[in-house]
N, C-alpha and C. Protein backbone atom coordinates (compact mmCIF):
# COMPACT_ATOMS: atom_id res chain seq x y z
N MET A 1 95.58 71.06 127.02
CA MET A 1 96.31 71.00 125.76
C MET A 1 97.80 71.49 126.11
N LYS A 2 98.65 70.77 125.30
CA LYS A 2 100.16 71.03 125.73
C LYS A 2 100.58 72.18 124.81
N THR A 3 101.58 72.88 125.44
CA THR A 3 102.15 74.16 124.87
C THR A 3 102.56 74.17 123.48
N HIS A 4 103.34 73.09 123.24
CA HIS A 4 103.93 72.79 121.91
C HIS A 4 102.86 72.39 120.88
N LYS A 5 101.71 71.78 121.32
CA LYS A 5 100.70 71.59 120.29
C LYS A 5 100.03 72.84 120.09
N PHE A 6 99.71 73.65 120.94
CA PHE A 6 99.12 74.97 120.96
C PHE A 6 99.73 75.75 119.96
N ILE A 7 101.22 75.94 120.21
CA ILE A 7 101.99 76.68 119.15
C ILE A 7 101.90 76.16 117.63
N LEU A 8 102.05 75.00 117.60
CA LEU A 8 102.03 74.24 116.24
C LEU A 8 100.73 74.45 115.53
N ILE A 9 99.69 74.46 116.37
CA ILE A 9 98.37 74.68 115.60
C ILE A 9 98.17 75.97 115.24
N ARG A 10 98.67 77.00 116.10
CA ARG A 10 98.46 78.35 115.60
C ARG A 10 99.47 78.80 114.48
N ILE A 11 100.66 78.36 114.50
CA ILE A 11 101.48 78.47 113.47
C ILE A 11 101.12 77.87 112.05
N ALA A 12 100.59 76.68 112.12
CA ALA A 12 99.97 76.10 110.90
C ALA A 12 98.76 76.92 110.48
N THR A 13 97.81 77.39 111.32
CA THR A 13 96.75 78.21 111.01
C THR A 13 97.21 79.39 110.31
N LEU A 14 98.36 79.92 110.91
CA LEU A 14 98.82 81.33 110.29
C LEU A 14 99.34 81.22 108.85
N LEU A 15 100.33 80.08 108.84
CA LEU A 15 100.83 79.86 107.50
C LEU A 15 99.78 79.50 106.36
N VAL A 16 98.93 78.50 106.70
CA VAL A 16 97.79 78.26 105.73
C VAL A 16 97.07 79.42 105.36
N ALA A 17 96.61 80.23 106.18
CA ALA A 17 95.83 81.42 105.90
C ALA A 17 96.69 82.41 105.03
N LEU A 18 97.92 82.71 105.21
CA LEU A 18 98.79 83.49 104.54
C LEU A 18 99.13 82.94 103.30
N LEU A 19 99.20 81.73 102.97
CA LEU A 19 99.48 80.98 101.81
C LEU A 19 98.06 81.14 100.92
N ILE A 20 97.00 80.90 101.50
CA ILE A 20 95.63 81.10 100.73
C ILE A 20 95.61 82.59 100.23
N ILE A 21 95.74 83.55 101.18
CA ILE A 21 95.97 84.94 100.77
C ILE A 21 96.91 85.17 99.59
N TYR A 22 98.04 84.65 99.74
CA TYR A 22 99.01 84.94 98.77
C TYR A 22 98.62 84.43 97.16
N ASN A 23 97.99 83.17 97.29
CA ASN A 23 97.60 82.53 96.12
C ASN A 23 96.28 83.02 95.67
N GLY A 24 95.42 83.53 96.48
CA GLY A 24 94.11 84.05 96.01
C GLY A 24 93.94 85.46 95.69
N ALA A 25 95.03 86.28 95.91
CA ALA A 25 94.96 87.80 96.01
C ALA A 25 94.76 88.11 94.48
N TYR A 26 95.36 87.52 93.53
CA TYR A 26 95.15 87.74 92.14
C TYR A 26 93.65 87.75 91.73
N TYR A 27 92.82 86.85 92.15
CA TYR A 27 91.40 86.75 91.98
C TYR A 27 90.48 87.71 92.48
N THR A 28 91.00 88.43 93.52
CA THR A 28 90.17 89.50 94.13
C THR A 28 90.32 90.78 93.40
N LEU A 29 91.25 90.81 92.54
CA LEU A 29 91.25 92.14 91.66
C LEU A 29 90.29 92.23 90.54
N PRO A 30 90.04 93.48 90.32
CA PRO A 30 88.99 93.59 89.03
C PRO A 30 89.72 93.08 87.67
N GLU A 31 88.92 92.67 86.88
CA GLU A 31 89.34 92.22 85.63
C GLU A 31 90.34 93.04 84.69
N TYR A 32 89.87 94.43 84.76
CA TYR A 32 90.69 95.29 83.87
C TYR A 32 92.19 95.35 84.62
N ILE A 33 92.28 95.32 85.91
CA ILE A 33 93.55 95.37 86.51
C ILE A 33 94.33 94.13 86.31
N GLN A 34 93.77 92.89 86.27
CA GLN A 34 94.28 91.41 86.06
C GLN A 34 94.89 91.53 84.78
N GLU A 35 94.34 92.19 83.58
CA GLU A 35 94.91 92.16 82.23
C GLU A 35 95.87 93.24 82.21
N ASP A 36 96.14 94.06 82.89
CA ASP A 36 97.20 94.99 82.86
C ASP A 36 98.60 94.46 83.03
N SER A 37 99.60 95.18 82.42
CA SER A 37 100.96 94.66 82.52
C SER A 37 101.57 94.87 83.70
N PHE A 38 101.11 95.73 84.59
CA PHE A 38 101.62 96.01 86.02
C PHE A 38 100.65 95.61 87.06
N SER A 39 99.99 94.23 86.88
CA SER A 39 99.05 93.81 87.71
C SER A 39 99.68 93.34 89.01
N PHE A 40 100.98 93.03 88.87
CA PHE A 40 101.72 92.46 90.08
C PHE A 40 101.73 93.45 91.13
N ILE A 41 101.91 94.82 90.83
CA ILE A 41 102.01 95.87 91.92
C ILE A 41 100.51 95.90 92.72
N ALA A 42 99.47 95.73 91.91
CA ALA A 42 97.99 95.64 92.65
C ALA A 42 97.95 94.53 93.38
N GLU A 43 98.55 93.35 92.86
CA GLU A 43 98.27 92.07 93.73
C GLU A 43 99.22 92.01 94.87
N ILE A 44 100.46 92.78 94.89
CA ILE A 44 101.06 92.88 96.13
C ILE A 44 100.42 93.78 97.15
N ASP A 45 99.76 94.81 96.55
CA ASP A 45 98.98 95.72 97.63
C ASP A 45 97.86 94.98 98.04
N ARG A 46 97.23 94.16 97.31
CA ARG A 46 96.13 93.29 97.69
C ARG A 46 96.60 92.29 98.85
N ILE A 47 97.75 91.68 98.56
CA ILE A 47 98.22 90.78 99.61
C ILE A 47 98.35 91.35 100.76
N PHE A 48 99.05 92.47 100.81
CA PHE A 48 99.20 93.35 102.14
C PHE A 48 98.06 93.72 102.86
N GLU A 49 96.86 94.02 102.06
CA GLU A 49 95.68 94.53 102.70
C GLU A 49 95.00 93.26 103.18
N LEU A 50 94.88 92.12 102.47
CA LEU A 50 94.21 91.16 103.14
C LEU A 50 95.05 90.35 104.26
N SER A 51 96.15 90.45 104.11
CA SER A 51 97.10 89.88 105.15
C SER A 51 96.86 90.61 106.63
N LEU A 52 96.88 92.02 106.34
CA LEU A 52 96.62 92.88 107.66
C LEU A 52 95.31 92.63 108.17
N ILE A 53 94.27 92.39 107.61
CA ILE A 53 92.94 92.33 107.89
C ILE A 53 93.01 90.95 108.56
N PHE A 54 93.50 89.91 108.04
CA PHE A 54 93.62 88.55 108.76
C PHE A 54 94.30 88.65 109.99
N LEU A 55 95.39 89.23 110.01
CA LEU A 55 96.27 89.34 111.14
C LEU A 55 95.70 89.96 112.34
N VAL A 56 95.05 91.11 111.94
CA VAL A 56 94.34 91.89 113.11
C VAL A 56 93.28 91.06 113.74
N LEU A 57 92.49 90.13 112.84
CA LEU A 57 91.38 89.30 113.42
C LEU A 57 92.03 88.30 114.22
N PHE A 58 93.37 87.65 113.82
CA PHE A 58 93.93 86.61 114.34
C PHE A 58 94.52 87.23 115.69
N LEU A 59 94.96 88.16 115.65
CA LEU A 59 95.51 88.91 116.96
C LEU A 59 94.43 89.17 118.06
N LEU A 60 93.33 89.55 117.62
CA LEU A 60 91.97 89.55 118.43
C LEU A 60 91.80 88.36 119.08
N PHE A 61 91.68 87.26 118.21
CA PHE A 61 91.49 85.79 118.84
C PHE A 61 92.55 85.57 119.62
N LEU A 62 93.80 85.59 119.46
CA LEU A 62 94.68 85.38 120.41
C LEU A 62 94.76 86.11 121.73
N LEU A 63 94.22 87.46 121.61
CA LEU A 63 94.07 88.04 122.89
C LEU A 63 92.90 87.59 123.76
N ILE A 64 91.87 87.22 123.07
CA ILE A 64 90.75 86.44 123.71
C ILE A 64 91.06 85.16 124.41
N GLU A 65 92.08 84.46 123.71
CA GLU A 65 92.52 83.31 124.22
C GLU A 65 93.37 83.49 125.47
N ILE A 66 94.25 84.50 125.34
CA ILE A 66 95.00 84.82 126.64
C ILE A 66 93.98 85.16 127.83
N TYR A 67 93.02 85.95 127.54
CA TYR A 67 91.98 86.20 128.58
C TYR A 67 91.36 85.00 129.26
N LEU A 68 91.09 83.90 128.27
CA LEU A 68 90.46 82.70 128.81
C LEU A 68 91.51 81.83 129.44
N PHE A 69 92.74 81.87 129.03
CA PHE A 69 93.82 80.93 129.56
C PHE A 69 93.99 81.55 131.05
N ASN A 70 93.97 82.92 131.30
CA ASN A 70 94.16 83.65 132.39
C ASN A 70 93.14 83.24 133.44
N LYS A 71 91.88 83.25 132.91
CA LYS A 71 90.72 82.94 133.69
C LYS A 71 90.68 81.46 134.32
N ARG A 72 91.31 80.58 133.34
CA ARG A 72 91.27 79.24 133.66
C ARG A 72 92.61 78.82 134.53
N LYS A 73 93.38 79.80 134.71
CA LYS A 73 94.70 79.53 135.42
C LYS A 73 95.48 78.63 134.73
N GLN A 74 95.76 78.70 133.44
CA GLN A 74 96.63 77.90 132.59
C GLN A 74 97.80 78.91 132.10
N ALA A 75 98.74 78.85 133.10
CA ALA A 75 99.89 79.87 132.85
C ALA A 75 100.70 79.47 131.76
N ASN A 76 100.94 78.28 131.49
CA ASN A 76 101.69 77.86 130.33
C ASN A 76 101.24 78.29 128.94
N LEU A 77 100.07 77.82 128.75
CA LEU A 77 99.26 78.41 127.60
C LEU A 77 99.11 79.84 127.43
N ARG A 78 98.84 80.53 128.66
CA ARG A 78 98.85 81.84 128.54
C ARG A 78 100.05 82.71 128.22
N SER A 79 101.24 82.13 128.74
CA SER A 79 102.39 82.82 128.30
C SER A 79 102.95 82.41 126.74
N ALA A 80 102.63 81.18 126.28
CA ALA A 80 102.73 80.88 124.94
C ALA A 80 101.76 81.76 123.95
N ALA A 81 100.59 81.95 124.36
CA ALA A 81 99.75 82.90 123.59
C ALA A 81 100.26 84.17 123.67
N MET A 82 100.81 84.73 124.85
CA MET A 82 101.30 86.12 124.82
C MET A 82 102.53 86.24 123.93
N ILE A 83 103.40 85.28 123.99
CA ILE A 83 104.52 85.30 123.02
C ILE A 83 104.21 85.37 121.66
N PHE A 84 103.28 84.36 121.20
CA PHE A 84 102.79 84.31 119.87
C PHE A 84 102.14 85.58 119.51
N SER A 85 101.23 86.17 120.19
CA SER A 85 100.51 87.39 119.93
C SER A 85 101.56 88.53 119.79
N LEU A 86 102.55 88.57 120.71
CA LEU A 86 103.65 89.50 120.34
C LEU A 86 104.24 89.42 119.01
N PHE A 87 104.45 88.19 118.58
CA PHE A 87 104.95 87.89 117.15
C PHE A 87 104.03 88.39 116.17
N VAL A 88 102.74 88.07 116.30
CA VAL A 88 101.63 88.55 115.28
C VAL A 88 101.53 90.09 115.37
N PHE A 89 101.70 90.75 116.72
CA PHE A 89 101.62 92.09 116.76
C PHE A 89 102.62 92.80 115.87
N ILE A 90 103.92 92.22 116.04
CA ILE A 90 104.96 92.75 115.07
C ILE A 90 104.74 92.69 113.71
N LEU A 91 103.97 91.41 113.24
CA LEU A 91 103.69 91.38 111.86
C LEU A 91 102.66 92.38 111.28
N VAL A 92 101.71 92.81 112.31
CA VAL A 92 100.64 93.65 111.96
C VAL A 92 101.25 95.06 111.79
N ILE A 93 102.19 95.49 112.69
CA ILE A 93 102.89 96.66 112.65
C ILE A 93 103.50 96.76 111.16
N THR A 94 104.36 95.75 110.99
CA THR A 94 105.14 95.51 109.49
C THR A 94 104.14 95.87 108.37
N LEU A 95 103.07 95.12 108.43
CA LEU A 95 102.05 95.24 107.38
C LEU A 95 101.39 96.49 107.26
N PHE A 96 101.04 97.11 108.50
CA PHE A 96 100.68 98.42 108.44
C PHE A 96 101.45 99.46 107.80
N TYR A 97 102.66 99.42 108.05
CA TYR A 97 103.60 100.35 107.40
C TYR A 97 103.80 100.02 105.97
N ALA A 98 103.86 98.75 105.62
CA ALA A 98 104.05 98.31 104.18
C ALA A 98 102.74 98.59 103.32
N ASN A 99 101.68 98.52 104.08
CA ASN A 99 100.30 98.85 103.28
C ASN A 99 100.41 100.25 103.10
N GLY A 100 100.95 101.10 103.90
CA GLY A 100 100.99 102.62 103.62
C GLY A 100 102.07 103.01 102.68
N ILE A 101 103.02 102.08 102.41
CA ILE A 101 103.95 102.46 101.26
C ILE A 101 103.36 102.28 100.01
N PHE A 102 102.73 101.01 99.95
CA PHE A 102 102.22 100.60 98.62
C PHE A 102 100.70 101.37 98.66
């Protein structure tokens, strides 16, 4: 697998998942909160929670891929996965603090 194809597939996966979380967070709220006038605050909180859960799982997936690429001696893919996992780790830290604020 080429490095740019690897990165594009992972970025597309990340963006599609975050878009689904963004659009579906409203429907995970209880009905009494959905009908409230300040439901957007609960929706933002739910977006942060679901995004944090997804990104932690995605980071674990990337770390497993780094291990497998290292085992197969695929240095280019390993370094691309390491850089992308660093980006995802920064997002996880940001969402962890944002989740604590809300």
